[in-house]
């Protein structure tokens, strides 16, 4: 099926349906949710932690650590390894119910009582509670949104931030132009597209860094820390 990244040419219903079908057939494991690159999980988390810590710890910290939201949470890998060690409470959002069932087991440790909500819904339909989260972490899921839904979700996420809160987006970056990925029905966007959509959502980039020590044949992966322009 010919689906284009341009919203005007995109079969939106098929775009979301095909992505949902793809993930329903992915094993509920770290290896599965990382597309066969489970061995890179440690380095992914290490880089994410280094990116996030200056905002929440030390003399320059401006962001509290009461509540975090993990978007596109999968089986809870980022929640378990990054967010729960740093935040008092964490909520998970994930479209695939099988992944969240696995998350309940994967996170069933002393931290389980600090996971408050498991939201079974796609980001395009998700409205998080207002003025609630210090950090909203969005990793490897924005590619599954059309441009229109990308911007509208970020606006809802902005409304969900506590004072001085932060949205972090971590995604694959295409080199020159947006690329439609037929395998999992996603859009790998170029840097220009990310900057344009963040601006449309009235968000400013307060920090931007690339993931390090990943295989060279992979896409560049960039982390963006975002806060409201106003």
C-alpha atoms as a PDB file:
ATOM      1  CA  UNK A   1       0.000   0.000   0.000  1.00  0.00           C
ATOM      2  CA  UNK A   2       1.422   3.386  -0.967  1.00  0.00           C
ATOM      3  CA  UNK A   3       1.318   5.603   2.104  1.00  0.00           C
ATOM      4  CA  UNK A   4       3.103   8.944   1.986  1.00  0.00           C
ATOM      5  CA  UNK A   5       4.559  10.902   4.909  1.00  0.00           C
ATOM      6  CA  UNK A   6       2.786  14.040   3.721  1.00  0.00           C
ATOM      7  CA  UNK A   7      -0.491  14.255   5.656  1.00  0.00           C
ATOM      8  CA  UNK A   8      -2.309  15.369   2.486  1.00  0.00           C
ATOM      9  CA  UNK A   9      -1.433  12.084   0.792  1.00  0.00           C
ATOM     10  CA  UNK A  10      -1.530   9.827   3.843  1.00  0.00           C
ATOM     11  CA  UNK A  11      -4.255   7.224   4.299  1.00  0.00           C
ATOM     12  CA  UNK A  12      -4.573   8.002   7.990  1.00  0.00           C
ATOM     13  CA  UNK A  13      -6.822   5.078   8.911  1.00  0.00           C
ATOM     14  CA  UNK A  14      -4.525   2.563   7.206  1.00  0.00           C
ATOM     15  CA  UNK A  15      -1.441   4.277   8.676  1.00  0.00           C
ATOM     16  CA  UNK A  16      -2.630   3.666  12.239  1.00  0.00           C
ATOM     17  CA  UNK A  17      -4.201   0.275  11.564  1.00  0.00           C
ATOM     18  CA  UNK A  18      -1.055  -1.106   9.930  1.00  0.00           C
ATOM     19  CA  UNK A  19       1.161   0.088  12.775  1.00  0.00           C
ATOM     20  CA  UNK A  20      -1.130  -1.483  15.363  1.00  0.00           C
ATOM     21  CA  UNK A  21      -1.122  -4.767  13.444  1.00  0.00           C
ATOM     22  CA  UNK A  22       2.675  -4.721  13.246  1.00  0.00           C
ATOM     23  CA  UNK A  23       3.178  -4.256  16.990  1.00  0.00           C
ATOM     24  CA  UNK A  24       0.556  -6.860  17.866  1.00  0.00           C
ATOM     25  CA  UNK A  25       2.886  -9.415  16.270  1.00  0.00           C
ATOM     26  CA  UNK A  26       6.033  -8.266  18.081  1.00  0.00           C
ATOM     27  CA  UNK A  27       7.172 -10.350  21.106  1.00  0.00           C
ATOM     28  CA  UNK A  28       6.636  -8.693  24.491  1.00  0.00           C
ATOM     29  CA  UNK A  29      10.366  -8.649  25.284  1.00  0.00           C
ATOM     30  CA  UNK A  30      13.162  -6.060  25.404  1.00  0.00           C
ATOM     31  CA  UNK A  31      14.515  -7.600  22.196  1.00  0.00           C
ATOM     32  CA  UNK A  32      11.088  -7.309  20.575  1.00  0.00           C
ATOM     33  CA  UNK A  33      10.338  -3.713  21.524  1.00  0.00           C
ATOM     34  CA  UNK A  34      13.859  -2.668  20.466  1.00  0.00           C
ATOM     35  CA  UNK A  35      13.506  -4.228  17.031  1.00  0.00           C
ATOM     36  CA  UNK A  36      16.149  -6.876  17.598  1.00  0.00           C
ATOM     37  CA  UNK A  37      18.635  -4.480  19.183  1.00  0.00           C
ATOM     38  CA  UNK A  38      18.095  -5.420  22.817  1.00  0.00           C
ATOM     39  CA  UNK A  39      21.860  -5.434  23.331  1.00  0.00           C
ATOM     40  CA  UNK A  40      21.793  -1.647  22.932  1.00  0.00           C
ATOM     41  CA  UNK A  41      19.369  -1.079  25.829  1.00  0.00           C
ATOM     42  CA  UNK A  42      22.107  -0.346  28.383  1.00  0.00           C
ATOM     43  CA  UNK A  43      23.782   2.299  26.223  1.00  0.00           C
ATOM     44  CA  UNK A  44      20.398   3.816  25.344  1.00  0.00           C
ATOM     45  CA  UNK A  45      19.471   4.211  29.014  1.00  0.00           C
ATOM     46  CA  UNK A  46      22.950   5.470  29.939  1.00  0.00           C
ATOM     47  CA  UNK A  47      22.768   8.239  27.341  1.00  0.00           C
ATOM     48  CA  UNK A  48      19.187   9.158  28.283  1.00  0.00           C
ATOM     49  CA  UNK A  49      20.138   9.404  31.950  1.00  0.00           C
ATOM     50  CA  UNK A  50      23.096  11.660  31.176  1.00  0.00           C
ATOM     51  CA  UNK A  51      20.779  13.893  29.142  1.00  0.00           C
ATOM     52  CA  UNK A  52      18.083  14.095  31.835  1.00  0.00           C
ATOM     53  CA  UNK A  53      20.062  14.339  35.094  1.00  0.00           C
ATOM     54  CA  UNK A  54      21.184  17.996  34.830  1.00  0.00           C
ATOM     55  CA  UNK A  55      17.521  19.050  34.733  1.00  0.00           C
ATOM     56  CA  UNK A  56      16.592  17.191  37.927  1.00  0.00           C
ATOM     57  CA  UNK A  57      19.764  16.965  40.049  1.00  0.00           C
ATOM     58  CA  UNK A  58      22.567  19.295  41.095  1.00  0.00           C
ATOM     59  CA  UNK A  59      22.831  23.077  41.476  1.00  0.00           C
ATOM     60  CA  UNK A  60      21.226  23.853  38.114  1.00  0.00           C
ATOM     61  CA  UNK A  61      18.212  21.595  38.560  1.00  0.00           C
ATOM     62  CA  UNK A  62      14.900  23.229  37.646  1.00  0.00           C
ATOM     63  CA  UNK A  63      12.597  20.204  37.228  1.00  0.00           C
ATOM     64  CA  UNK A  64      11.025  18.310  40.132  1.00  0.00           C
ATOM     65  CA  UNK A  65      10.965  14.505  40.389  1.00  0.00           C
ATOM     66  CA  UNK A  66       7.446  13.824  41.627  1.00  0.00           C
ATOM     67  CA  UNK A  67       5.782  12.305  38.550  1.00  0.00           C
ATOM     68  CA  UNK A  68       6.875  11.132  35.110  1.00  0.00           C
ATOM     69  CA  UNK A  69       4.932   9.785  32.130  1.00  0.00           C
ATOM     70  CA  UNK A  70       6.407   7.140  29.808  1.00  0.00           C
ATOM     71  CA  UNK A  71       4.799   7.421  26.350  1.00  0.00           C
ATOM     72  CA  UNK A  72       4.970   4.517  23.936  1.00  0.00           C
ATOM     73  CA  UNK A  73       6.104   2.591  26.976  1.00  0.00           C
ATOM     74  CA  UNK A  74       6.104  -0.885  25.463  1.00  0.00           C
ATOM     75  CA  UNK A  75       6.845  -3.386  28.253  1.00  0.00           C
ATOM     76  CA  UNK A  76       8.113  -0.634  30.554  1.00  0.00           C
ATOM     77  CA  UNK A  77      11.833  -0.775  29.752  1.00  0.00           C
ATOM     78  CA  UNK A  78      12.376   2.988  30.038  1.00  0.00           C
ATOM     79  CA  UNK A  79      10.149   3.169  33.116  1.00  0.00           C
ATOM     80  CA  UNK A  80      12.076   0.437  34.901  1.00  0.00           C
ATOM     81  CA  UNK A  81      15.613   1.429  33.984  1.00  0.00           C
ATOM     82  CA  UNK A  82      15.409   5.236  33.713  1.00  0.00           C
ATOM     83  CA  UNK A  83      12.287   6.822  35.188  1.00  0.00           C
ATOM     84  CA  UNK A  84      11.436   4.772  38.278  1.00  0.00           C
ATOM     85  CA  UNK A  85      14.932   5.142  39.767  1.00  0.00           C
ATOM     86  CA  UNK A  86      14.613   8.939  39.442  1.00  0.00           C
ATOM     87  CA  UNK A  87      10.908   9.785  39.990  1.00  0.00           C
ATOM     88  CA  UNK A  88       8.509   9.121  42.862  1.00  0.00           C
ATOM     89  CA  UNK A  89       5.681   7.992  40.572  1.00  0.00           C
ATOM     90  CA  UNK A  90       5.490   6.893  36.947  1.00  0.00           C
ATOM     91  CA  UNK A  91       2.545   6.363  34.576  1.00  0.00           C
ATOM     92  CA  UNK A  92       2.761   4.323  31.364  1.00  0.00           C
ATOM     93  CA  UNK A  93       0.981   4.950  28.062  1.00  0.00           C
ATOM     94  CA  UNK A  94       1.008   2.187  25.446  1.00  0.00           C
ATOM     95  CA  UNK A  95      -1.382   1.191  22.665  1.00  0.00           C
ATOM     96  CA  UNK A  96      -0.674  -2.550  22.739  1.00  0.00           C
ATOM     97  CA  UNK A  97      -2.448  -4.231  25.691  1.00  0.00           C
ATOM     98  CA  UNK A  98      -0.143  -7.268  25.486  1.00  0.00           C
ATOM     99  CA  UNK A  99       2.870  -5.035  26.115  1.00  0.00           C
ATOM    100  CA  UNK A 100       1.250  -3.445  29.161  1.00  0.00           C
ATOM    101  CA  UNK A 101       0.313  -6.851  30.571  1.00  0.00           C
ATOM    102  CA  UNK A 102       3.979  -7.768  30.310  1.00  0.00           C
ATOM    103  CA  UNK A 103       4.895  -4.429  31.890  1.00  0.00           C
ATOM    104  CA  UNK A 104       2.875  -5.297  34.982  1.00  0.00           C
ATOM    105  CA  UNK A 105       5.093  -8.371  35.402  1.00  0.00           C
ATOM    106  CA  UNK A 106       8.327  -6.692  34.273  1.00  0.00           C
ATOM    107  CA  UNK A 107       7.810  -3.898  36.812  1.00  0.00           C
ATOM    108  CA  UNK A 108       6.594  -6.200  39.611  1.00  0.00           C
ATOM    109  CA  UNK A 109       9.292  -5.330  42.120  1.00  0.00           C
ATOM    110  CA  UNK A 110       9.577  -2.904  45.004  1.00  0.00           C
ATOM    111  CA  UNK A 111       8.836  -0.174  42.444  1.00  0.00           C
ATOM    112  CA  UNK A 112       5.457  -1.593  41.392  1.00  0.00           C
ATOM    113  CA  UNK A 113       3.510   0.461  43.937  1.00  0.00           C
ATOM    114  CA  UNK A 114       4.975   3.617  42.390  1.00  0.00           C
ATOM    115  CA  UNK A 115       3.460   2.864  38.981  1.00  0.00           C
ATOM    116  CA  UNK A 116       0.066   4.533  39.250  1.00  0.00           C
ATOM    117  CA  UNK A 117      -1.585   4.177  35.842  1.00  0.00           C
ATOM    118  CA  UNK A 118      -1.313   1.980  32.774  1.00  0.00           C
ATOM    119  CA  UNK A 119      -3.027   3.845  29.940  1.00  0.00           C
ATOM    120  CA  UNK A 120      -3.986   1.480  27.094  1.00  0.00           C
ATOM    121  CA  UNK A 121      -4.426   3.970  24.253  1.00  0.00           C
ATOM    122  CA  UNK A 122      -2.567   5.318  21.222  1.00  0.00           C
ATOM    123  CA  UNK A 123      -0.904   8.722  21.534  1.00  0.00           C
ATOM    124  CA  UNK A 124      -3.183  10.112  18.814  1.00  0.00           C
ATOM    125  CA  UNK A 125      -6.153   9.509  21.165  1.00  0.00           C
ATOM    126  CA  UNK A 126      -4.457  10.126  24.521  1.00  0.00           C
ATOM    127  CA  UNK A 127      -5.086  13.157  26.714  1.00  0.00           C
ATOM    128  CA  UNK A 128      -2.927  13.060  29.860  1.00  0.00           C
ATOM    129  CA  UNK A 129      -4.145  14.759  33.064  1.00  0.00           C
ATOM    130  CA  UNK A 130      -3.486  18.487  33.146  1.00  0.00           C
ATOM    131  CA  UNK A 131      -0.647  20.114  35.112  1.00  0.00           C
ATOM    132  CA  UNK A 132       0.502  16.767  36.475  1.00  0.00           C
ATOM    133  CA  UNK A 133       3.875  15.554  35.170  1.00  0.00           C
ATOM    134  CA  UNK A 134       7.360  16.922  35.793  1.00  0.00           C
ATOM    135  CA  UNK A 135       8.754  14.952  32.851  1.00  0.00           C
ATOM    136  CA  UNK A 136       6.944  13.409  29.884  1.00  0.00           C
ATOM    137  CA  UNK A 137       9.302  10.970  28.153  1.00  0.00           C
ATOM    138  CA  UNK A 138       8.390  10.125  24.550  1.00  0.00           C
ATOM    139  CA  UNK A 139      10.721   7.633  22.867  1.00  0.00           C
ATOM    140  CA  UNK A 140      10.482   5.805  19.537  1.00  0.00           C
ATOM    141  CA  UNK A 141       6.766   6.461  19.145  1.00  0.00           C
ATOM    142  CA  UNK A 142       6.318   9.894  17.526  1.00  0.00           C
ATOM    143  CA  UNK A 143       7.154   8.277  14.182  1.00  0.00           C
ATOM    144  CA  UNK A 144       3.765   6.571  14.431  1.00  0.00           C
ATOM    145  CA  UNK A 145       1.880   9.881  14.392  1.00  0.00           C
ATOM    146  CA  UNK A 146       0.820  11.956  11.407  1.00  0.00           C
ATOM    147  CA  UNK A 147       2.092  15.549  11.433  1.00  0.00           C
ATOM    148  CA  UNK A 148      -1.298  16.795  12.582  1.00  0.00           C
ATOM    149  CA  UNK A 149      -1.511  14.302  15.463  1.00  0.00           C
ATOM    150  CA  UNK A 150       2.153  14.891  16.333  1.00  0.00           C
ATOM    151  CA  UNK A 151       1.461  18.575  16.948  1.00  0.00           C
ATOM    152  CA  UNK A 152      -1.883  18.067  18.696  1.00  0.00           C
ATOM    153  CA  UNK A 153      -0.426  15.449  21.055  1.00  0.00           C
ATOM    154  CA  UNK A 154       2.455  17.756  22.004  1.00  0.00           C
ATOM    155  CA  UNK A 155      -0.044  20.504  22.780  1.00  0.00           C
ATOM    156  CA  UNK A 156      -1.952  18.141  25.082  1.00  0.00           C
ATOM    157  CA  UNK A 157       1.348  17.035  26.626  1.00  0.00           C
ATOM    158  CA  UNK A 158       2.258  20.674  27.246  1.00  0.00           C
ATOM    159  CA  UNK A 159      -1.009  21.135  29.130  1.00  0.00           C
ATOM    160  CA  UNK A 160      -0.097  18.057  31.206  1.00  0.00           C
ATOM    161  CA  UNK A 161       3.173  19.535  32.463  1.00  0.00           C
ATOM    162  CA  UNK A 162       3.614  20.639  36.054  1.00  0.00           C
ATOM    163  CA  UNK A 163       5.328  24.021  36.574  1.00  0.00           C
ATOM    164  CA  UNK A 164       8.828  23.979  35.012  1.00  0.00           C
ATOM    165  CA  UNK A 165       8.014  20.572  33.521  1.00  0.00           C
ATOM    166  CA  UNK A 166       9.810  19.072  30.562  1.00  0.00           C
ATOM    167  CA  UNK A 167       8.909  16.991  27.500  1.00  0.00           C
ATOM    168  CA  UNK A 168      11.710  14.783  26.190  1.00  0.00           C
ATOM    169  CA  UNK A 169      11.389  13.366  22.677  1.00  0.00           C
ATOM    170  CA  UNK A 170      13.929  10.707  21.601  1.00  0.00           C
ATOM    171  CA  UNK A 171      13.634   9.540  18.021  1.00  0.00           C
ATOM    172  CA  UNK A 172      15.399   8.265  14.906  1.00  0.00           C
ATOM    173  CA  UNK A 173      16.387  11.053  12.512  1.00  0.00           C
ATOM    174  CA  UNK A 174      16.437  10.724   8.722  1.00  0.00           C
ATOM    175  CA  UNK A 175      19.346  12.407   6.965  1.00  0.00           C
ATOM    176  CA  UNK A 176      17.753  14.562   4.272  1.00  0.00           C
ATOM    177  CA  UNK A 177      13.993  14.085   4.071  1.00  0.00           C
ATOM    178  CA  UNK A 178      11.158  12.235   5.784  1.00  0.00           C
ATOM    179  CA  UNK A 179      10.997   8.525   5.000  1.00  0.00           C
ATOM    180  CA  UNK A 180       7.876   6.380   5.176  1.00  0.00           C
ATOM    181  CA  UNK A 181       8.721   2.969   6.663  1.00  0.00           C
ATOM    182  CA  UNK A 182       6.313   0.385   5.307  1.00  0.00           C
ATOM    183  CA  UNK A 183       7.349  -2.436   7.643  1.00  0.00           C
ATOM    184  CA  UNK A 184       5.920  -0.880  10.786  1.00  0.00           C
ATOM    185  CA  UNK A 185       3.915   1.961   9.203  1.00  0.00           C
ATOM    186  CA  UNK A 186       5.932   4.854  10.582  1.00  0.00           C
ATOM    187  CA  UNK A 187       7.574   8.089   9.432  1.00  0.00           C
ATOM    188  CA  UNK A 188      11.275   8.613  10.113  1.00  0.00           C
ATOM    189  CA  UNK A 189      11.477  12.392  10.043  1.00  0.00           C
ATOM    190  CA  UNK A 190      14.459  14.582   9.219  1.00  0.00           C
ATOM    191  CA  UNK A 191      15.766  17.189  11.650  1.00  0.00           C
ATOM    192  CA  UNK A 192      14.071  20.038   9.788  1.00  0.00           C
ATOM    193  CA  UNK A 193      10.681  18.352  10.198  1.00  0.00           C
ATOM    194  CA  UNK A 194      11.165  17.869  13.942  1.00  0.00           C
ATOM    195  CA  UNK A 195      12.120  21.492  14.432  1.00  0.00           C
ATOM    196  CA  UNK A 196       9.164  22.641  12.325  1.00  0.00           C
ATOM    197  CA  UNK A 197       6.648  20.499  14.231  1.00  0.00           C
ATOM    198  CA  UNK A 198       8.010  21.504  17.639  1.00  0.00           C
ATOM    199  CA  UNK A 199       7.611  25.130  16.602  1.00  0.00           C
ATOM    200  CA  UNK A 200       4.052  24.480  15.427  1.00  0.00           C
ATOM    201  CA  UNK A 201       3.330  22.975  18.863  1.00  0.00           C
ATOM    202  CA  UNK A 202       4.728  26.191  20.426  1.00  0.00           C
ATOM    203  CA  UNK A 203       7.600  24.358  22.090  1.00  0.00           C
ATOM    204  CA  UNK A 204      11.209  25.519  22.289  1.00  0.00           C
ATOM    205  CA  UNK A 205      14.200  23.201  22.340  1.00  0.00           C
ATOM    206  CA  UNK A 206      16.124  23.823  25.580  1.00  0.00           C
ATOM    207  CA  UNK A 207      18.605  20.999  24.973  1.00  0.00           C
ATOM    208  CA  UNK A 208      19.429  18.723  22.050  1.00  0.00           C
ATOM    209  CA  UNK A 209      21.912  15.834  21.990  1.00  0.00           C
ATOM    210  CA  UNK A 210      22.565  12.734  19.906  1.00  0.00           C
ATOM    211  CA  UNK A 211      22.671   9.175  21.181  1.00  0.00           C
ATOM    212  CA  UNK A 212      26.247   7.890  21.232  1.00  0.00           C
ATOM    213  CA  UNK A 213      27.922   4.511  20.741  1.00  0.00           C
ATOM    214  CA  UNK A 214      25.228   2.952  18.554  1.00  0.00           C
ATOM    215  CA  UNK A 215      26.109   1.072  15.340  1.00  0.00           C
ATOM    216  CA  UNK A 216      26.963   3.415  12.468  1.00  0.00           C
ATOM    217  CA  UNK A 217      24.530   1.700  10.098  1.00  0.00           C
ATOM    218  CA  UNK A 218      21.584   2.782  12.274  1.00  0.00           C
ATOM    219  CA  UNK A 219      19.741   6.068  11.994  1.00  0.00           C
ATOM    220  CA  UNK A 220      21.051   8.964  14.036  1.00  0.00           C
ATOM    221  CA  UNK A 221      19.035   9.138  17.268  1.00  0.00           C
ATOM    222  CA  UNK A 222      18.454  12.547  18.835  1.00  0.00           C
ATOM    223  CA  UNK A 223      17.080  13.624  22.208  1.00  0.00           C
ATOM    224  CA  UNK A 224      15.161  16.908  22.445  1.00  0.00           C
ATOM    225  CA  UNK A 225      14.248  18.555  25.742  1.00  0.00           C
ATOM    226  CA  UNK A 226      11.214  20.780  25.142  1.00  0.00           C
ATOM    227  CA  UNK A 227       9.408  23.442  27.139  1.00  0.00           C
ATOM    228  CA  UNK A 228       6.568  25.838  26.272  1.00  0.00           C
ATOM    229  CA  UNK A 229       7.584  28.981  24.401  1.00  0.00           C
ATOM    230  CA  UNK A 230       5.479  31.127  26.736  1.00  0.00           C
END
